[in-house]
C-alpha atoms as a PDB file:
ATOM      1  CA  MET A   1      -8.892   9.674 -20.413  1.00  0.00           C
ATOM      2  CA  VAL A   2      -5.191   8.998 -19.893  1.00  0.00           C
ATOM      3  CA  ALA A   3      -3.750   7.142 -22.014  1.00  0.00           C
ATOM      4  CA  LEU A   4      -2.031   3.998 -20.808  1.00  0.00           C
ATOM      5  CA  LYS A   5       0.113   0.604 -22.017  1.00  0.00           C
ATOM      6  CA  LYS A   6      -0.620  -2.519 -20.078  1.00  0.00           C
ATOM      7  CA  ASP A   7       2.547  -4.293 -20.776  1.00  0.00           C
ATOM      8  CA  GLY A   8       1.687  -7.200 -19.139  1.00  0.00           C
ATOM      9  CA  ILE A   9       3.110  -9.826 -16.537  1.00  0.00           C
ATOM     10  CA  ILE A  10       6.570  -9.488 -15.578  1.00  0.00           C
ATOM     11  CA  LEU A  11       6.834 -11.848 -12.663  1.00  0.00           C
ATOM     12  CA  ARG A  12       5.069 -15.333 -11.842  1.00  0.00           C
ATOM     13  CA  LYS A  13       4.860 -17.953  -9.103  1.00  0.00           C
ATOM     14  CA  THR A  14       7.840 -21.054  -9.519  1.00  0.00           C
ATOM     15  CA  THR A  15       7.808 -24.098  -8.032  1.00  0.00           C
ATOM     16  CA  LEU A  16      10.243 -22.996  -5.004  1.00  0.00           C
ATOM     17  CA  ASP A  17       8.370 -23.462  -1.634  1.00  0.00           C
ATOM     18  CA  PHE A  18       8.331 -19.792  -0.746  1.00  0.00           C
ATOM     19  CA  GLU A  19       6.419 -19.090  -4.138  1.00  0.00           C
ATOM     20  CA  SER A  20       4.648 -22.087  -5.282  1.00  0.00           C
ATOM     21  CA  GLU A  21       0.909 -20.221  -4.991  1.00  0.00           C
ATOM     22  CA  GLY A  22       1.621 -16.769  -6.652  1.00  0.00           C
ATOM     23  CA  VAL A  23       3.446 -13.619  -6.400  1.00  0.00           C
ATOM     24  CA  LEU A  24       2.192 -10.030  -5.953  1.00  0.00           C
ATOM     25  CA  ASN A  25       1.696  -6.808  -5.191  1.00  0.00           C
ATOM     26  CA  PRO A  26       5.784  -5.519  -4.897  1.00  0.00           C
ATOM     27  CA  ALA A  27       7.648  -3.011  -3.687  1.00  0.00           C
ATOM     28  CA  VAL A  28      10.265  -1.177  -6.064  1.00  0.00           C
ATOM     29  CA  ILE A  29      12.758   1.247  -6.255  1.00  0.00           C
ATOM     30  CA  GLN A  30      15.437   2.609  -8.275  1.00  0.00           C
ATOM     31  CA  ASP A  31      18.975   2.736  -6.819  1.00  0.00           C
ATOM     32  CA  ASN A  32      22.691   2.738  -8.445  1.00  0.00           C
ATOM     33  CA  GLY A  33      21.390   2.600 -11.676  1.00  0.00           C
ATOM     34  CA  LYS A  34      19.117  -1.099 -11.190  1.00  0.00           C
ATOM     35  CA  ILE A  35      15.333  -1.375 -10.412  1.00  0.00           C
ATOM     36  CA  HIS A  36      14.779  -3.584  -7.266  1.00  0.00           C
ATOM     37  CA  LEU A  37      11.678  -5.668  -6.975  1.00  0.00           C
ATOM     38  CA  LEU A  38      11.058  -6.673  -3.476  1.00  0.00           C
ATOM     39  CA  TYR A  39       7.253  -8.621  -3.855  1.00  0.00           C
ATOM     40  CA  ARG A  40       5.028 -10.892  -1.923  1.00  0.00           C
ATOM     41  CA  ALA A  41       5.443 -14.659  -2.417  1.00  0.00           C
ATOM     42  CA  LEU A  42       2.832 -16.916  -1.668  1.00  0.00           C
ATOM     43  CA  ALA A  43       3.385 -20.314   0.139  1.00  0.00           C
ATOM     44  CA  LYS A  44       0.877 -23.186   1.093  1.00  0.00           C
ATOM     45  CA  ASN A  45      -1.601 -22.312   3.852  1.00  0.00           C
ATOM     46  CA  ASN A  46      -1.592 -18.371   2.560  1.00  0.00           C
ATOM     47  CA  PHE A  47       2.170 -17.982   4.442  1.00  0.00           C
ATOM     48  CA  SER A  48       3.793 -15.128   2.907  1.00  0.00           C
ATOM     49  CA  SER A  49       7.613 -13.792   2.774  1.00  0.00           C
ATOM     50  CA  ILE A  50       9.392 -10.878   0.361  1.00  0.00           C
ATOM     51  CA  GLY A  51      11.187 -12.238  -2.631  1.00  0.00           C
ATOM     52  CA  ARG A  52      13.494 -10.037  -4.086  1.00  0.00           C
ATOM     53  CA  CYS A  53      14.642  -9.705  -8.023  1.00  0.00           C
ATOM     54  CA  ILE A  54      16.563  -6.898 -10.058  1.00  0.00           C
ATOM     55  CA  LEU A  55      15.098  -5.913 -13.496  1.00  0.00           C
ATOM     56  CA  SER A  56      17.688  -4.528 -16.473  1.00  0.00           C
ATOM     57  CA  ASP A  57      14.743  -2.318 -17.946  1.00  0.00           C
ATOM     58  CA  TYR A  58      11.641  -1.601 -16.266  1.00  0.00           C
ATOM     59  CA  LYS A  59       9.905  -5.074 -17.399  1.00  0.00           C
ATOM     60  CA  THR A  60      12.643  -7.602 -17.591  1.00  0.00           C
ATOM     61  CA  ILE A  61      14.189  -9.750 -14.605  1.00  0.00           C
ATOM     62  CA  GLU A  62      17.612 -10.111 -14.896  1.00  0.00           C
ATOM     63  CA  THR A  63      18.666 -11.563 -11.510  1.00  0.00           C
ATOM     64  CA  ARG A  64      15.736 -13.744  -8.738  1.00  0.00           C
ATOM     65  CA  PHE A  65      17.107 -14.932  -5.980  1.00  0.00           C
ATOM     66  CA  SER A  66      16.207 -18.621  -5.241  1.00  0.00           C
ATOM     67  CA  ASN A  67      14.920 -17.247  -1.335  1.00  0.00           C
ATOM     68  CA  PRO A  68      13.270 -14.438   0.087  1.00  0.00           C
ATOM     69  CA  VAL A  69      15.010 -11.704   1.962  1.00  0.00           C
ATOM     70  CA  ILE A  70      12.338 -10.971   4.079  1.00  0.00           C
ATOM     71  CA  ILE A  71      10.989 -13.825   6.434  1.00  0.00           C
ATOM     72  CA  PRO A  72       8.297 -14.046   9.555  1.00  0.00           C
ATOM     73  CA  GLU A  73      10.105 -14.178  12.259  1.00  0.00           C
ATOM     74  CA  PHE A  74       8.169 -13.090  15.543  1.00  0.00           C
ATOM     75  CA  GLU A  75       4.430 -13.338  16.876  1.00  0.00           C
ATOM     76  CA  TYR A  76       3.298 -10.573  15.615  1.00  0.00           C
ATOM     77  CA  GLU A  77       4.249 -11.431  11.751  1.00  0.00           C
ATOM     78  CA  LYS A  78       4.106 -16.217  12.440  1.00  0.00           C
ATOM     79  CA  HIS A  79       1.642 -16.193   9.693  1.00  0.00           C
ATOM     80  CA  GLY A  80       3.014 -13.465   7.243  1.00  0.00           C
ATOM     81  CA  VAL A  81       4.943 -10.756   5.993  1.00  0.00           C
ATOM     82  CA  GLU A  82       2.651  -9.322   3.021  1.00  0.00           C
ATOM     83  CA  ASP A  83       2.379  -6.311   0.408  1.00  0.00           C
ATOM     84  CA  PRO A  84       5.875  -4.280   1.112  1.00  0.00           C
ATOM     85  CA  ARG A  85       6.330  -0.767  -0.056  1.00  0.00           C
ATOM     86  CA  VAL A  86       9.798   1.331  -0.385  1.00  0.00           C
ATOM     87  CA  VAL A  87      11.396   4.670  -0.004  1.00  0.00           C
ATOM     88  CA  LYS A  88      14.728   6.376   0.339  1.00  0.00           C
ATOM     89  CA  ILE A  89      15.295   8.742   2.395  1.00  0.00           C
ATOM     90  CA  ASP A  90      18.493   9.908   3.713  1.00  0.00           C
ATOM     91  CA  GLN A  91      20.231   7.025   2.518  1.00  0.00           C
ATOM     92  CA  LEU A  92      18.194   4.619   4.355  1.00  0.00           C
ATOM     93  CA  PHE A  93      15.725   2.427   2.616  1.00  0.00           C
ATOM     94  CA  TYR A  94      12.375   2.256   4.798  1.00  0.00           C
ATOM     95  CA  LEU A  95      10.163  -0.934   3.757  1.00  0.00           C
ATOM     96  CA  THR A  96       6.860  -0.685   5.102  1.00  0.00           C
ATOM     97  CA  TYR A  97       4.595  -4.053   4.976  1.00  0.00           C
ATOM     98  CA  THR A  98       1.545  -5.524   6.691  1.00  0.00           C
ATOM     99  CA  SER A  99       2.248  -8.329   9.619  1.00  0.00           C
ATOM    100  CA  TYR A 100       0.050 -11.216   9.865  1.00  0.00           C
ATOM    101  CA  ASP A 101      -0.662 -13.409  12.837  1.00  0.00           C
ATOM    102  CA  GLY A 102      -3.726 -15.147  11.503  1.00  0.00           C
ATOM    103  CA  ILE A 103      -6.377 -12.388  13.415  1.00  0.00           C
ATOM    104  CA  ASN A 104      -4.510  -9.248  13.581  1.00  0.00           C
ATOM    105  CA  ALA A 105      -3.095  -7.100  10.158  1.00  0.00           C
ATOM    106  CA  LEU A 106      -0.703  -4.540  10.831  1.00  0.00           C
ATOM    107  CA  GLY A 107       1.556  -1.775   9.358  1.00  0.00           C
ATOM    108  CA  THR A 108       5.569  -2.685   9.960  1.00  0.00           C
ATOM    109  CA  LEU A 109       8.823  -1.277   9.340  1.00  0.00           C
ATOM    110  CA  ALA A 110      11.712  -2.477   8.476  1.00  0.00           C
ATOM    111  CA  ILE A 111      15.225  -0.695   7.423  1.00  0.00           C
ATOM    112  CA  SER A 112      18.115  -1.148   5.349  1.00  0.00           C
ATOM    113  CA  LYS A 113      21.396   0.375   4.196  1.00  0.00           C
ATOM    114  CA  ASP A 114      21.643  -1.970   1.406  1.00  0.00           C
ATOM    115  CA  LEU A 115      18.286  -3.937   0.244  1.00  0.00           C
ATOM    116  CA  ILE A 116      19.959  -6.917   1.337  1.00  0.00           C
ATOM    117  CA  SER A 117      20.167  -6.851   5.266  1.00  0.00           C
ATOM    118  CA  TRP A 118      16.825  -5.579   7.010  1.00  0.00           C
ATOM    119  CA  GLU A 119      16.473  -4.521  10.264  1.00  0.00           C
ATOM    120  CA  LYS A 120      12.946  -4.751  11.947  1.00  0.00           C
ATOM    121  CA  VAL A 121      11.752  -2.341  13.824  1.00  0.00           C
ATOM    122  CA  GLY A 122       8.338  -3.587  13.983  1.00  0.00           C
ATOM    123  CA  ILE A 123       4.942  -2.552  14.373  1.00  0.00           C
ATOM    124  CA  ILE A 124       4.359   1.202  13.611  1.00  0.00           C
ATOM    125  CA  VAL A 125       0.764   1.630  13.850  1.00  0.00           C
ATOM    126  CA  PRO A 126      -1.623   2.007  16.661  1.00  0.00           C
ATOM    127  CA  LYS A 127      -2.150  -1.606  18.601  1.00  0.00           C
ATOM    128  CA  ILE A 128      -5.748  -0.342  19.216  1.00  0.00           C
ATOM    129  CA  LEU A 129      -8.419  -3.033  20.360  1.00  0.00           C
ATOM    130  CA  TYR A 130     -11.319  -2.565  18.729  1.00  0.00           C
ATOM    131  CA  LYS A 131     -13.482  -1.419  22.140  1.00  0.00           C
ATOM    132  CA  LYS A 132     -11.189   1.005  22.798  1.00  0.00           C
ATOM    133  CA  PHE A 133     -11.546   2.286  18.782  1.00  0.00           C
ATOM    134  CA  LYS A 134     -15.384   2.412  18.921  1.00  0.00           C
ATOM    135  CA  LEU A 135     -15.032   4.084  22.510  1.00  0.00           C
ATOM    136  CA  LEU A 136     -12.566   7.134  20.440  1.00  0.00           C
ATOM    137  CA  THR A 137     -15.014   6.965  17.667  1.00  0.00           C
ATOM    138  CA  GLU A 138     -18.059   7.840  19.431  1.00  0.00           C
ATOM    139  CA  SER A 139     -16.552  11.660  20.303  1.00  0.00           C
ATOM    140  CA  GLN A 140     -16.030  11.697  16.046  1.00  0.00           C
ATOM    141  CA  GLY A 141     -20.048  12.372  15.223  1.00  0.00           C
ATOM    142  CA  GLU A 142     -20.986  10.746  11.661  1.00  0.00           C
ATOM    143  CA  ILE A 143     -16.833  10.444  10.771  1.00  0.00           C
ATOM    144  CA  GLY A 144     -17.266   7.625  13.916  1.00  0.00           C
ATOM    145  CA  GLU A 145     -20.172   6.022  12.516  1.00  0.00           C
ATOM    146  CA  LYS A 146     -19.020   5.061   9.489  1.00  0.00           C
ATOM    147  CA  TYR A 147     -15.739   3.850  11.312  1.00  0.00           C
ATOM    148  CA  LYS A 148     -17.879   1.147  13.407  1.00  0.00           C
ATOM    149  CA  ARG A 149     -19.508   0.405  10.278  1.00  0.00           C
ATOM    150  CA  PHE A 150     -17.014  -0.755   8.322  1.00  0.00           C
ATOM    151  CA  ASN A 151     -14.418  -1.920  11.265  1.00  0.00           C
ATOM    152  CA  LYS A 152     -15.941  -4.634  13.160  1.00  0.00           C
ATOM    153  CA  LEU A 153     -14.557  -7.268  15.663  1.00  0.00           C
ATOM    154  CA  PRO A 154     -14.130 -10.705  13.657  1.00  0.00           C
ATOM    155  CA  SER A 155     -17.150 -12.882  14.685  1.00  0.00           C
ATOM    156  CA  ALA A 156     -14.241 -16.057  14.534  1.00  0.00           C
ATOM    157  CA  HIS A 157     -11.832 -15.389  16.609  1.00  0.00           C
ATOM    158  CA  LYS A 158     -10.106 -16.670  19.741  1.00  0.00           C
ATOM    159  CA  LYS A 159     -11.572 -15.663  23.024  1.00  0.00           C
ATOM    160  CA  ASP A 160      -7.743 -14.799  24.809  1.00  0.00           C
ATOM    161  CA  LYS A 161      -6.257 -13.648  21.940  1.00  0.00           C
ATOM    162  CA  GLU A 162      -6.168 -10.123  21.882  1.00  0.00           C
ATOM    163  CA  ILE A 163      -7.796  -8.320  18.581  1.00  0.00           C
ATOM    164  CA  PHE A 164      -6.524  -5.343  17.436  1.00  0.00           C
ATOM    165  CA  LEU A 165      -7.741  -2.785  14.563  1.00  0.00           C
ATOM    166  CA  TRP A 166      -6.758  -3.649  11.430  1.00  0.00           C
ATOM    167  CA  ASP A 167      -4.321  -1.143  10.287  1.00  0.00           C
ATOM    168  CA  LYS A 168      -2.802  -1.687   6.667  1.00  0.00           C
ATOM    169  CA  ASN A 169      -1.020  -0.096   3.923  1.00  0.00           C
ATOM    170  CA  VAL A 170       1.687   1.702   5.507  1.00  0.00           C
ATOM    171  CA  ILE A 171       3.605   3.867   2.864  1.00  0.00           C
ATOM    172  CA  PHE A 172       6.169   6.633   3.328  1.00  0.00           C
ATOM    173  CA  PHE A 173       6.671   9.822   1.342  1.00  0.00           C
ATOM    174  CA  PRO A 174      10.198   9.553  -0.047  1.00  0.00           C
ATOM    175  CA  ARG A 175      11.617  12.610   1.501  1.00  0.00           C
ATOM    176  CA  LYS A 176      10.803  14.520   4.839  1.00  0.00           C
ATOM    177  CA  ILE A 177       8.182  17.500   4.096  1.00  0.00           C
ATOM    178  CA  ASN A 178       8.795  20.613   6.580  1.00  0.00           C
ATOM    179  CA  GLY A 179      11.247  18.486   8.428  1.00  0.00           C
ATOM    180  CA  LYS A 180       8.906  15.760   9.278  1.00  0.00           C
ATOM    181  CA  LEU A 181       8.538  11.991   8.137  1.00  0.00           C
ATOM    182  CA  TYR A 182       4.897  11.619   6.743  1.00  0.00           C
ATOM    183  CA  PHE A 183       3.027   8.321   6.108  1.00  0.00           C
ATOM    184  CA  LEU A 184      -0.048   7.538   4.810  1.00  0.00           C
ATOM    185  CA  HIS A 185      -1.989   4.182   6.092  1.00  0.00           C
ATOM    186  CA  ARG A 186      -5.068   3.008   6.193  1.00  0.00           C
ATOM    187  CA  ILE A 187      -7.729   1.919   8.317  1.00  0.00           C
ATOM    188  CA  ARG A 188     -11.111   1.366   6.158  1.00  0.00           C
ATOM    189  CA  PRO A 189     -12.811   2.810   4.665  1.00  0.00           C
ATOM    190  CA  ASP A 190     -10.424   5.934   4.283  1.00  0.00           C
ATOM    191  CA  ILE A 191      -6.719   6.489   3.656  1.00  0.00           C
ATOM    192  CA  GLN A 192      -5.407   7.947   6.433  1.00  0.00           C
ATOM    193  CA  ILE A 193      -2.185  10.515   6.906  1.00  0.00           C
ATOM    194  CA  ALA A 194       0.294  10.960   9.847  1.00  0.00           C
ATOM    195  CA  SER A 195       3.682  12.690  10.794  1.00  0.00           C
ATOM    196  CA  ILE A 196       6.658  12.783  12.792  1.00  0.00           C
ATOM    197  CA  GLU A 197       9.892  13.879  13.660  1.00  0.00           C
ATOM    198  CA  SER A 198      10.742  10.441  13.864  1.00  0.00           C
ATOM    199  CA  ILE A 199      10.093   6.443  14.130  1.00  0.00           C
ATOM    200  CA  GLU A 200      10.188   6.829  17.946  1.00  0.00           C
ATOM    201  CA  ASP A 201       7.598   9.350  18.469  1.00  0.00           C
ATOM    202  CA  LEU A 202       5.086   6.469  17.523  1.00  0.00           C
ATOM    203  CA  ASN A 203       4.420   5.538  21.133  1.00  0.00           C
ATOM    204  CA  PRO A 204       0.604   5.109  22.601  1.00  0.00           C
ATOM    205  CA  ASP A 205       0.538   8.847  23.961  1.00  0.00           C
ATOM    206  CA  PHE A 206       0.874   9.579  19.822  1.00  0.00           C
ATOM    207  CA  TRP A 207      -1.700   7.918  18.896  1.00  0.00           C
ATOM    208  CA  LYS A 208      -3.999   8.700  21.479  1.00  0.00           C
ATOM    209  CA  ASP A 209      -4.004  12.119  20.529  1.00  0.00           C
ATOM    210  CA  TYR A 210      -4.130  11.041  16.849  1.00  0.00           C
ATOM    211  CA  PHE A 211      -7.450   9.421  17.497  1.00  0.00           C
ATOM    212  CA  LEU A 212      -8.371  12.075  19.340  1.00  0.00           C
ATOM    213  CA  HIS A 213      -8.407  14.162  16.093  1.00  0.00           C
ATOM    214  CA  PHE A 214      -8.960  11.232  13.840  1.00  0.00           C
ATOM    215  CA  LYS A 215     -11.206  13.485  11.417  1.00  0.00           C
ATOM    216  CA  GLU A 216      -8.224  15.607  10.681  1.00  0.00           C
ATOM    217  CA  ARG A 217      -5.805  12.540   9.607  1.00  0.00           C
ATOM    218  CA  ILE A 218      -8.386  11.119   6.717  1.00  0.00           C
ATOM    219  CA  VAL A 219      -6.494  12.462   3.513  1.00  0.00           C
ATOM    220  CA  LEU A 220      -8.867  10.563   0.938  1.00  0.00           C
ATOM    221  CA  SER A 221     -12.403   9.459   1.437  1.00  0.00           C
ATOM    222  CA  PRO A 222     -14.364   7.080  -1.249  1.00  0.00           C
ATOM    223  CA  LYS A 223     -15.785   9.410  -3.475  1.00  0.00           C
ATOM    224  CA  TYR A 224     -16.711   7.387  -7.085  1.00  0.00           C
ATOM    225  CA  GLU A 225     -18.607   4.604  -7.725  1.00  0.00           C
ATOM    226  CA  HIS A 226     -14.885   2.848  -8.749  1.00  0.00           C
ATOM    227  CA  GLU A 227     -13.886   2.957  -5.059  1.00  0.00           C
ATOM    228  CA  VAL A 228     -17.159   3.284  -3.113  1.00  0.00           C
ATOM    229  CA  SER A 229     -16.707   0.207  -1.275  1.00  0.00           C
ATOM    230  CA  TYR A 230     -13.861   1.394   0.410  1.00  0.00           C
ATOM    231  CA  ILE A 231      -9.453   2.897  -0.691  1.00  0.00           C
ATOM    232  CA  GLY A 232      -6.215   2.402   0.399  1.00  0.00           C
ATOM    233  CA  GLY A 233      -2.538   3.619  -0.214  1.00  0.00           C
ATOM    234  CA  GLY A 234      -0.495   2.031  -3.816  1.00  0.00           C
ATOM    235  CA  CYS A 235       2.319   3.066  -4.512  1.00  0.00           C
ATOM    236  CA  PRO A 236       5.143   5.815  -2.534  1.00  0.00           C
ATOM    237  CA  PRO A 237       4.090   8.774  -4.071  1.00  0.00           C
ATOM    238  CA  ILE A 238       5.634  10.772  -6.712  1.00  0.00           C
ATOM    239  CA  GLU A 239       6.995  14.461  -6.426  1.00  0.00           C
ATOM    240  CA  THR A 240       5.842  16.517  -9.414  1.00  0.00           C
ATOM    241  CA  LYS A 241       5.885  20.723  -9.802  1.00  0.00           C
ATOM    242  CA  HIS A 242       1.716  20.407  -9.253  1.00  0.00           C
ATOM    243  CA  GLY A 243       1.450  18.682  -6.300  1.00  0.00           C
ATOM    244  CA  TRP A 244       2.313  14.360  -4.664  1.00  0.00           C
ATOM    245  CA  LEU A 245       1.039  11.889  -7.175  1.00  0.00           C
ATOM    246  CA  LEU A 246      -0.599   9.215  -5.537  1.00  0.00           C
ATOM    247  CA  ILE A 247      -1.649   6.335  -7.138  1.00  0.00           C
ATOM    248  CA  TYR A 248      -3.860   4.358  -5.015  1.00  0.00           C
ATOM    249  CA  HIS A 249      -6.424   1.875  -5.147  1.00  0.00           C
ATOM    250  CA  GLY A 250     -10.401   1.893  -5.002  1.00  0.00           C
ATOM    251  CA  VAL A 251     -12.963  -0.869  -4.174  1.00  0.00           C
ATOM    252  CA  HIS A 252     -16.231  -0.954  -5.458  1.00  0.00           C
ATOM    253  CA  ASP A 253     -18.905  -4.137  -4.888  1.00  0.00           C
ATOM    254  CA  THR A 254     -20.766  -6.506  -7.445  1.00  0.00           C
ATOM    255  CA  ILE A 255     -22.675  -9.641  -7.950  1.00  0.00           C
ATOM    256  CA  GLU A 256     -19.225 -11.476  -8.596  1.00  0.00           C
ATOM    257  CA  GLY A 257     -17.500  -9.640  -5.852  1.00  0.00           C
ATOM    258  CA  TYR A 258     -15.122  -6.969  -5.029  1.00  0.00           C
ATOM    259  CA  VAL A 259     -13.161  -5.162  -7.931  1.00  0.00           C
ATOM    260  CA  TYR A 260      -9.917  -3.466  -7.174  1.00  0.00           C
ATOM    261  CA  SER A 261      -8.654  -0.411  -9.557  1.00  0.00           C
ATOM    262  CA  ALA A 262      -5.438   1.700 -10.019  1.00  0.00           C
ATOM    263  CA  CYS A 263      -6.341   5.369  -8.706  1.00  0.00           C
ATOM    264  CA  ALA A 264      -5.077   8.787  -8.835  1.00  0.00           C
ATOM    265  CA  ALA A 265      -4.875  11.863  -6.923  1.00  0.00           C
ATOM    266  CA  LEU A 266      -3.063  14.643  -6.239  1.00  0.00           C
ATOM    267  CA  LEU A 267      -1.983  15.503  -2.243  1.00  0.00           C
ATOM    268  CA  ASP A 268      -0.379  19.442  -2.014  1.00  0.00           C
ATOM    269  CA  LEU A 269       3.466  19.597  -1.799  1.00  0.00           C
ATOM    270  CA  VAL A 270       4.102  21.484   0.971  1.00  0.00           C
ATOM    271  CA  ASN A 271       0.573  20.309   3.194  1.00  0.00           C
ATOM    272  CA  PRO A 272       0.095  16.829   1.882  1.00  0.00           C
ATOM    273  CA  GLU A 273      -2.879  16.797   3.861  1.00  0.00           C
ATOM    274  CA  LYS A 274      -4.540  18.436   1.785  1.00  0.00           C
ATOM    275  CA  GLU A 275      -6.266  16.608  -1.539  1.00  0.00           C
ATOM    276  CA  ILE A 276      -5.627  19.026  -4.705  1.00  0.00           C
ATOM    277  CA  SER A 277      -7.123  16.600  -7.077  1.00  0.00           C
ATOM    278  CA  ARG A 278      -8.429  13.391  -8.219  1.00  0.00           C
ATOM    279  CA  LEU A 279      -9.680  11.221 -11.287  1.00  0.00           C
ATOM    280  CA  PRO A 280     -13.371  10.394 -10.947  1.00  0.00           C
ATOM    281  CA  TYR A 281     -12.153   7.336 -13.065  1.00  0.00           C
ATOM    282  CA  PRO A 282     -10.254   4.614 -12.767  1.00  0.00           C
ATOM    283  CA  LEU A 283      -7.280   5.198 -13.921  1.00  0.00           C
ATOM    284  CA  PHE A 284      -6.994   1.001 -15.303  1.00  0.00           C
ATOM    285  CA  LYS A 285      -9.195  -1.567 -13.822  1.00  0.00           C
ATOM    286  CA  PRO A 286      -9.557  -5.442 -14.295  1.00  0.00           C
ATOM    287  CA  GLU A 287      -9.598  -6.366 -17.960  1.00  0.00           C
ATOM    288  CA  GLU A 288      -7.559  -8.678 -18.915  1.00  0.00           C
ATOM    289  CA  GLU A 289      -7.554 -12.291 -17.929  1.00  0.00           C
ATOM    290  CA  TRP A 290      -4.892 -12.566 -16.075  1.00  0.00           C
ATOM    291  CA  GLU A 291      -5.989  -9.698 -13.454  1.00  0.00           C
ATOM    292  CA  GLN A 292      -9.941 -10.746 -13.655  1.00  0.00           C
ATOM    293  CA  LYS A 293      -9.016 -14.748 -12.789  1.00  0.00           C
ATOM    294  CA  GLY A 294      -6.256 -16.035  -9.862  1.00  0.00           C
ATOM    295  CA  GLU A 295      -6.262 -16.446  -5.907  1.00  0.00           C
ATOM    296  CA  VAL A 296      -8.495 -13.603  -5.707  1.00  0.00           C
ATOM    297  CA  ASN A 297     -10.455 -12.339  -8.675  1.00  0.00           C
ATOM    298  CA  ASN A 298     -10.780  -9.051 -10.409  1.00  0.00           C
ATOM    299  CA  VAL A 299      -7.617  -7.145  -9.072  1.00  0.00           C
ATOM    300  CA  CYS A 300      -5.398  -4.793 -10.142  1.00  0.00           C
ATOM    301  CA  PHE A 301      -2.870  -3.550  -6.964  1.00  0.00           C
ATOM    302  CA  PRO A 302      -0.499  -0.592  -7.222  1.00  0.00           C
ATOM    303  CA  THR A 303       1.989  -1.327  -5.077  1.00  0.00           C
ATOM    304  CA  GLY A 304       5.352   0.513  -6.605  1.00  0.00           C
ATOM    305  CA  ALA A 305       5.989   2.610  -9.524  1.00  0.00           C
ATOM    306  CA  ILE A 306       9.435   4.201 -10.766  1.00  0.00           C
ATOM    307  CA  VAL A 307       9.932   7.391 -13.186  1.00  0.00           C
ATOM    308  CA  GLU A 308      11.872   7.370 -16.500  1.00  0.00           C
ATOM    309  CA  GLY A 309      11.973  11.042 -17.988  1.00  0.00           C
ATOM    310  CA  ASP A 310       8.293  11.372 -18.433  1.00  0.00           C
ATOM    311  CA  THR A 311       7.276   7.996 -18.284  1.00  0.00           C
ATOM    312  CA  LEU A 312       5.820   6.176 -15.463  1.00  0.00           C
ATOM    313  CA  HIS A 313       5.686   2.573 -14.961  1.00  0.00           C
ATOM    314  CA  ILE A 314       3.428   1.194 -12.007  1.00  0.00           C
ATOM    315  CA  TYR A 315       3.704  -2.289 -10.963  1.00  0.00           C
ATOM    316  CA  TYR A 316       0.741  -4.169  -9.499  1.00  0.00           C
ATOM    317  CA  GLY A 317      -0.445  -7.595  -8.446  1.00  0.00           C
ATOM    318  CA  ALA A 318      -3.157  -9.113 -10.733  1.00  0.00           C
ATOM    319  CA  ALA A 319      -5.690 -11.056  -9.100  1.00  0.00           C
ATOM    320  CA  ASP A 320      -3.646 -11.703  -6.362  1.00  0.00           C
ATOM    321  CA  LYS A 321      -1.330 -14.468  -8.118  1.00  0.00           C
ATOM    322  CA  ARG A 322       1.087 -13.004 -10.365  1.00  0.00           C
ATOM    323  CA  ILE A 323       2.765  -9.291 -11.266  1.00  0.00           C
ATOM    324  CA  ALA A 324       2.185  -7.017 -14.063  1.00  0.00           C
ATOM    325  CA  VAL A 325       3.081  -3.140 -15.097  1.00  0.00           C
ATOM    326  CA  ALA A 326       1.943  -0.604 -17.031  1.00  0.00           C
ATOM    327  CA  SER A 327       2.966   2.705 -18.087  1.00  0.00           C
ATOM    328  CA  LEU A 328       2.053   6.230 -18.719  1.00  0.00           C
ATOM    329  CA  THR A 329       2.572  10.018 -19.744  1.00  0.00           C
ATOM    330  CA  ILE A 330       3.481  11.542 -16.320  1.00  0.00           C
ATOM    331  CA  SER A 331       2.787  15.069 -18.301  1.00  0.00           C
ATOM    332  CA  GLU A 332      -0.700  13.549 -20.076  1.00  0.00           C
ATOM    333  CA  LEU A 333      -2.018  12.311 -16.270  1.00  0.00           C
ATOM    334  CA  LEU A 334      -1.011  15.706 -14.634  1.00  0.00           C
ATOM    335  CA  LYS A 335      -3.177  17.545 -17.331  1.00  0.00           C
ATOM    336  CA  GLU A 336      -5.669  15.218 -16.875  1.00  0.00           C
ATOM    337  CA  LEU A 337      -5.682  15.941 -12.983  1.00  0.00           C
ATOM    338  CA  LEU A 338      -5.639  19.474 -13.202  1.00  0.00           C
ATOM    339  CA  ARG A 339      -9.007  19.168 -15.063  1.00  0.00           C
ATOM    340  CA  TYR A 340     -10.420  17.974 -11.436  1.00  0.00           C
ATOM    341  CA  ILE A 341      -8.863  20.731  -9.187  1.00  0.00           C
ATOM    342  CA  SER A 342     -11.619  20.010  -5.767  1.00  0.00           C
END
């Protein structure tokens, strides 16, 4: 087992309207000697925006802004912008989040040069109708059958509205690999991977070809008991000499509902489609009261991390209501992961 310290809650909701119901699932990045936290802020009626604060050290808030930095502006995100992740590639910040219109939940991109002014690129995952996805998966054998079970047309939907396959947890790798941009995304129950020369490549033809070779795009599938229901991306991958360290979330069902845990895996540095190793147990799971009780009970949902020397600080949403941080030794985690090379 990897020794891990839960440092506790670092951010709670306030009385401000945009975050009066909760704060959760932050994007985190170090830049110019500061740690920036871009978090999902929850208002009444489950409307989300993205708040911002600056930390003086990994767990101390220095400046907290009283207005969100990103708000819903377009029809496709009218019910909220959710669960951000952020990386910096070639002097440009890539912020990915889930846009939610009340029915459709799809991975979306915004870019910035300063973490303050954001240009919305829009939805970058495929806008694929459930019926079309069903047809495409029928050529995939057992894989297709599994995906049909996990991705059903919502029963309560408006007949006149297009219903797209949910595709969430879009997370870019923090540098180009072999000259290409790589990103993870999640169509339940697995984590998939895509690579492109530029964002403009993400057109309908790209996604059509992608789904025709869908089995090859799956990078991680549920394997162990703590992730048996489904898995999804967590923090942006962290480059180490042994591979890309991936902190992701695993979900399993219990009589009290789903339990979300933080998990760890290693992907190949040169070929990140290849899994090297993963822990056969959760890195950490809901154990504290503030992780077990909240808007959604029993949730540890990792979305951001920073490296300080040999220490990794992992930021996560605790019970969908507050933000906490946990810390561990990177070399110890890598040593443990290397015990389970697949």
